Amino acid sequence: MSKQHDLVASQSDVNEYDEDAVLNPSANPHFEDILAARLSRRVALKGGISTTAAALLGGSLLSACGSDDDSTPAPAPAPAPAPAALKIGFTAVAKNKNDLVTVPEGYNVSILHALGDPMHFGDESWKDDGSEAADSYNRRIGDGHDGMYWFGMSDAGAFDAKRSDRGLLAVNHEYVVAPYGLHPAGRAAGATRNATEVEKEIYAHGVSVVEVKRDGANTTMVRGSRYNRRVTSATTMDITGPAKGHLLLQTLFS
């Protein structure tokens, strides 16, 4: 890592798959502080609006109505009931070290897509033995699932932000978790990298876009959908806009 920080994490804070240390050297508040403040505000808004309105308006309005010589003080507004505590809709699961995703009772979990899953018909299913062709990763799910975005889609195939039962899921494949997955037997020994292994890793990075449908309780990737595609480190792209042609954006293939 070549980035310099005012704070340096200890080696124990970083593993071999981290691209940078997890640091917040700024004076900005941490996420958990922002979240706690927001939840406190939600409680206040949920139960405190009526109290606030009464305090700001109640006394003055009653005083304005009593404009004659009657000096009887206006009664104090009745206190608002205490706001109900926010509740989560499930029972928390106990801590465990199981090598699986644990969810509360009444919930289920399934794999939508994983490294090597074919997005179209014609490619063999994932075997976890490294036998798949490197080029096939142009049509397979990449590695290191990271950021993602959901694009709801209507029955006619148009964007529909309100649809959650059908849409396109775009996932960023941030890194390759070597030697697992792509090279289950480990990378080839030697100072010079194996060309096939390198090609696999190039194609395993990038973005996958797949059509997803929910039918009842099941949500699945639509294999063979015309919307399914990969954008990899080797995908040819045309750069447009004011930066087009800039020296910093030129490559050997430009």
Protein backbone atom coordinates (compact mmCIF):
# COMPACT_ATOMS: atom_id res chain seq x y z
CA MET A 1 0.00 0.00 0.00
CA SER A 2 1.47 3.31 -1.06
CA LYS A 3 -1.08 5.66 0.47
CA GLN A 4 0.12 7.77 3.37
CA HIS A 5 -2.08 8.50 6.34
CA ASP A 6 -1.70 10.52 9.48
CA LEU A 7 -2.70 7.39 11.32
CA VAL A 8 -1.12 4.04 10.63
CA ALA A 9 -3.01 0.83 11.33
CA SER A 10 -1.21 -2.06 12.91
CA GLN A 11 -0.51 -5.08 10.74
CA SER A 12 -3.22 -6.99 12.58
CA ASP A 13 -5.82 -4.57 11.18
CA VAL A 14 -5.09 -5.59 7.59
CA ASN A 15 -5.39 -8.94 5.87
CA GLU A 16 -4.03 -9.96 2.50
CA TYR A 17 -7.29 -9.17 0.74
CA ASP A 18 -7.58 -5.59 1.99
CA GLU A 19 -6.67 -2.95 -0.58
CA ASP A 20 -6.19 -0.36 2.13
CA ALA A 21 -6.28 -0.04 5.88
CA VAL A 22 -9.63 0.75 7.48
CA LEU A 23 -8.97 4.23 8.82
CA ASN A 24 -10.77 7.46 9.58
CA PRO A 25 -7.96 9.97 10.16
CA SER A 26 -10.29 12.95 9.77
CA ALA A 27 -12.25 14.73 12.46
CA ASN A 28 -15.53 13.65 10.84
CA PRO A 29 -17.97 11.68 13.00
CA HIS A 30 -18.00 7.92 12.65
CA PHE A 31 -20.95 6.21 10.94
CA GLU A 32 -22.20 4.65 14.17
CA ASP A 33 -22.44 8.12 15.74
CA ILE A 34 -24.48 9.41 12.80
CA LEU A 35 -26.75 6.35 12.94
CA ALA A 36 -27.32 6.73 16.69
CA ALA A 37 -28.20 10.39 16.26
CA ARG A 38 -30.65 9.60 13.47
CA LEU A 39 -32.41 6.92 15.49
CA SER A 40 -32.71 9.31 18.43
CA ARG A 41 -34.19 11.91 16.10
CA ARG A 42 -36.71 9.39 14.76
CA VAL A 43 -37.91 8.69 18.29
CA ALA A 44 -38.22 12.41 18.98
CA LEU A 45 -40.13 13.04 15.78
CA LYS A 46 -42.39 10.03 16.30
CA GLY A 47 -43.65 11.04 19.71
CA GLY A 48 -42.57 14.61 20.25
CA ILE A 49 -44.21 16.58 17.46
CA SER A 50 -47.51 16.97 19.27
CA THR A 51 -45.78 18.05 22.46
CA THR A 52 -43.67 20.59 20.59
CA ALA A 53 -46.68 22.00 18.75
CA ALA A 54 -48.63 22.35 21.97
CA ALA A 55 -45.73 24.06 23.69
CA LEU A 56 -45.20 26.52 20.84
CA LEU A 57 -48.82 27.26 19.92
CA GLY A 58 -51.16 26.02 22.61
CA GLY A 59 -50.61 28.67 25.30
CA SER A 60 -50.43 31.63 22.94
CA LEU A 61 -53.57 30.63 21.06
CA LEU A 62 -55.55 30.24 24.25
CA SER A 63 -54.28 33.57 25.54
CA ALA A 64 -55.28 35.30 22.33
CA CYS A 65 -58.81 33.96 22.60
CA GLY A 66 -59.17 35.35 26.14
CA SER A 67 -58.71 39.04 25.31
CA ASP A 68 -61.25 40.45 27.86
CA ASP A 69 -60.60 41.13 31.50
CA ASP A 70 -60.71 37.49 32.49
CA SER A 71 -57.33 36.86 34.08
CA THR A 72 -57.84 33.15 34.56
CA PRO A 73 -54.68 31.47 33.27
CA ALA A 74 -55.06 29.10 30.36
CA PRO A 75 -54.79 25.46 31.35
CA ALA A 76 -51.51 23.75 30.55
CA PRO A 77 -51.66 21.36 27.61
CA ALA A 78 -51.95 17.71 28.48
CA PRO A 79 -48.60 15.94 28.21
CA ALA A 80 -48.21 13.76 25.16
CA PRO A 81 -47.85 10.03 25.76
CA ALA A 82 -44.32 8.72 25.85
CA PRO A 83 -43.16 7.63 22.39
CA ALA A 84 -43.16 3.91 21.85
CA ALA A 85 -39.72 2.39 21.56
CA LEU A 86 -38.66 1.47 18.06
CA LYS A 87 -38.78 -2.27 17.53
CA ILE A 88 -37.11 -4.53 15.04
CA GLY A 89 -39.32 -7.18 13.52
CA PHE A 90 -37.25 -10.23 14.36
CA THR A 91 -35.50 -11.96 17.23
CA ALA A 92 -31.75 -11.47 17.16
CA VAL A 93 -29.70 -14.58 16.45
CA ALA A 94 -27.08 -15.85 18.85
CA LYS A 95 -23.41 -15.39 18.07
CA ASN A 96 -21.77 -18.33 16.37
CA LYS A 97 -18.76 -19.33 14.29
CA ASN A 98 -20.66 -21.40 11.74
CA ASP A 99 -19.44 -21.14 8.16
CA LEU A 100 -22.84 -20.01 6.88
CA VAL A 101 -25.22 -17.08 7.01
CA THR A 102 -27.46 -17.28 10.09
CA VAL A 103 -30.86 -15.58 9.90
CA PRO A 104 -33.70 -15.24 12.44
CA GLU A 105 -36.61 -17.65 12.66
CA GLY A 106 -39.11 -17.03 9.89
CA TYR A 107 -36.46 -15.82 7.45
CA ASN A 108 -34.50 -17.71 4.82
CA VAL A 109 -31.33 -17.09 2.86
CA SER A 110 -30.25 -18.34 -0.56
CA ILE A 111 -27.45 -17.63 -3.03
CA LEU A 112 -28.53 -15.45 -5.94
CA HIS A 113 -25.30 -15.90 -7.87
CA ALA A 114 -21.69 -16.72 -7.04
CA LEU A 115 -18.27 -16.73 -8.65
CA GLY A 116 -18.27 -18.68 -11.90
CA ASP A 117 -22.03 -19.10 -12.26
CA PRO A 118 -22.85 -19.02 -16.00
CA MET A 119 -25.09 -16.13 -16.99
CA HIS A 120 -26.09 -17.72 -20.30
CA PHE A 121 -26.72 -21.21 -21.61
CA GLY A 122 -23.86 -22.93 -23.40
CA ASP A 123 -21.28 -22.69 -20.61
CA GLU A 124 -20.88 -25.51 -18.11
CA SER A 125 -21.95 -25.01 -14.53
CA TRP A 126 -19.32 -24.13 -11.95
CA LYS A 127 -17.28 -27.16 -10.86
CA ASP A 128 -14.87 -25.53 -8.40
CA ASP A 129 -11.91 -27.35 -9.94
CA GLY A 130 -10.44 -24.61 -12.13
CA SER A 131 -11.38 -26.41 -15.35
CA GLU A 132 -13.49 -23.60 -16.84
CA ALA A 133 -11.95 -21.71 -19.78
CA ALA A 134 -10.61 -18.25 -19.02
CA ASP A 135 -12.64 -16.70 -21.83
CA SER A 136 -15.85 -18.07 -20.31
CA TYR A 137 -15.57 -15.46 -17.54
CA ASN A 138 -16.86 -12.97 -20.07
CA ARG A 139 -20.14 -14.82 -19.52
CA ARG A 140 -19.76 -15.90 -15.89
CA ILE A 141 -20.25 -14.08 -12.59
CA GLY A 142 -17.03 -12.45 -11.42
CA ASP A 143 -15.27 -12.57 -8.06
CA GLY A 144 -15.15 -10.29 -5.01
CA HIS A 145 -18.79 -9.11 -4.96
CA ASP A 146 -18.80 -5.54 -3.65
CA GLY A 147 -21.02 -2.55 -4.40
CA MET A 148 -24.33 -3.16 -6.12
CA TYR A 149 -27.33 -1.28 -7.48
CA TRP A 150 -30.88 -2.35 -8.30
CA PHE A 151 -32.70 -1.12 -11.42
CA GLY A 152 -36.39 -2.02 -11.21
CA MET A 153 -37.89 -3.04 -14.55
CA SER A 154 -41.44 -3.13 -15.89
CA ASP A 155 -42.99 -6.02 -17.80
CA ALA A 156 -42.20 -4.11 -21.00
CA GLY A 157 -38.53 -3.85 -20.08
CA ALA A 158 -38.54 -0.16 -19.15
CA PHE A 159 -36.99 1.27 -15.99
CA ASP A 160 -39.46 1.27 -13.10
CA ALA A 161 -38.11 2.44 -9.76
CA LYS A 162 -41.15 1.00 -7.95
CA ARG A 163 -40.60 -2.59 -9.08
CA SER A 164 -38.82 -4.87 -6.64
CA ASP A 165 -39.95 -8.22 -8.06
CA ARG A 166 -38.18 -7.79 -11.39
CA GLY A 167 -35.16 -5.80 -12.39
CA LEU A 168 -31.48 -5.67 -13.23
CA LEU A 169 -28.87 -6.12 -10.52
CA ALA A 170 -25.48 -4.55 -11.23
CA VAL A 171 -22.64 -5.85 -9.04
CA ASN A 172 -19.07 -4.59 -8.84
CA HIS A 173 -16.47 -7.37 -8.75
CA GLU A 174 -13.82 -5.61 -6.72
CA TYR A 175 -11.04 -8.16 -6.37
CA VAL A 176 -9.95 -11.77 -6.84
CA VAL A 177 -9.75 -13.94 -3.73
CA ALA A 178 -6.76 -16.00 -4.82
CA PRO A 179 -6.04 -18.86 -4.66
CA TYR A 180 -9.64 -19.82 -3.87
CA GLY A 181 -12.24 -20.11 -6.61
CA LEU A 182 -10.30 -19.30 -9.74
CA HIS A 183 -7.25 -21.38 -8.82
CA PRO A 184 -8.41 -24.01 -6.28
CA ALA A 185 -5.07 -25.83 -6.55
CA GLY A 186 -3.14 -22.60 -6.06
CA ARG A 187 -1.38 -20.38 -8.54
CA ALA A 188 1.24 -21.96 -10.77
CA ALA A 189 4.72 -21.87 -9.26
CA GLY A 190 7.44 -19.72 -10.77
CA ALA A 191 8.38 -16.09 -11.19
CA THR A 192 6.40 -15.77 -14.42
CA ARG A 193 2.62 -15.88 -14.06
CA ASN A 194 0.64 -18.43 -16.04
CA ALA A 195 -1.10 -16.61 -18.92
CA THR A 196 -4.37 -18.52 -18.50
CA GLU A 197 -4.50 -17.69 -14.79
CA VAL A 198 -3.87 -14.01 -15.49
CA GLU A 199 -6.58 -13.97 -18.15
CA LYS A 200 -9.08 -15.49 -15.71
CA GLU A 201 -8.27 -12.84 -13.12
CA ILE A 202 -8.67 -10.04 -15.66
CA TYR A 203 -12.12 -11.29 -16.66
CA ALA A 204 -13.15 -11.98 -13.05
CA HIS A 205 -12.85 -8.25 -12.23
CA GLY A 206 -15.36 -5.66 -13.41
CA VAL A 207 -19.16 -5.57 -13.30
CA SER A 208 -21.94 -8.08 -13.87
CA VAL A 209 -25.47 -7.09 -14.87
CA VAL A 210 -28.13 -9.78 -14.54
CA GLU A 211 -31.91 -9.92 -14.71
CA VAL A 212 -33.49 -10.95 -11.41
CA LYS A 213 -37.05 -12.09 -10.76
CA ARG A 214 -38.95 -12.85 -7.57
CA ASP A 215 -41.66 -15.51 -7.71
CA GLY A 216 -43.32 -15.90 -4.34
CA ALA A 217 -40.59 -16.57 -1.80
CA ASN A 218 -37.95 -17.36 -4.43
CA THR A 219 -35.65 -14.77 -5.99
CA THR A 220 -33.45 -16.02 -8.82
CA MET A 221 -31.12 -14.87 -11.59
CA VAL A 222 -32.69 -15.31 -15.02
CA ARG A 223 -30.09 -17.38 -16.84
CA GLY A 224 -30.02 -16.64 -20.56
CA SER A 225 -31.71 -13.25 -20.25
CA ARG A 226 -30.87 -10.87 -23.07
CA TYR A 227 -30.06 -8.26 -20.42
CA ASN A 228 -27.29 -10.31 -18.80
CA ARG A 229 -23.80 -9.05 -19.54
CA ARG A 230 -20.28 -8.63 -18.15
CA VAL A 231 -18.03 -5.58 -18.21
CA THR A 232 -14.49 -6.72 -17.38
CA SER A 233 -11.01 -5.27 -17.15
CA ALA A 234 -10.58 -6.22 -20.82
CA THR A 235 -13.88 -4.83 -22.14
CA THR A 236 -13.43 -2.32 -24.96
CA MET A 237 -14.95 1.03 -24.00
CA ASP A 238 -15.43 4.34 -25.80
CA ILE A 239 -14.80 7.41 -23.65
CA THR A 240 -16.97 10.42 -24.47
CA GLY A 241 -17.44 13.87 -23.02
CA PRO A 242 -14.92 16.65 -22.29
CA ALA A 243 -12.22 14.18 -21.19
CA LYS A 244 -12.26 12.33 -24.50
CA GLY A 245 -8.79 12.12 -26.03
CA HIS A 246 -6.98 13.39 -22.93
CA LEU A 247 -3.47 12.02 -22.53
CA LEU A 248 -4.31 10.53 -19.12
CA LEU A 249 -7.08 8.45 -20.68
CA GLN A 250 -5.07 7.08 -23.58
CA THR A 251 -3.84 3.50 -23.53
CA LEU A 252 -1.73 1.29 -25.79
CA PHE A 253 -5.00 0.24 -27.45
CA SER A 254 -6.30 3.76 -28.12
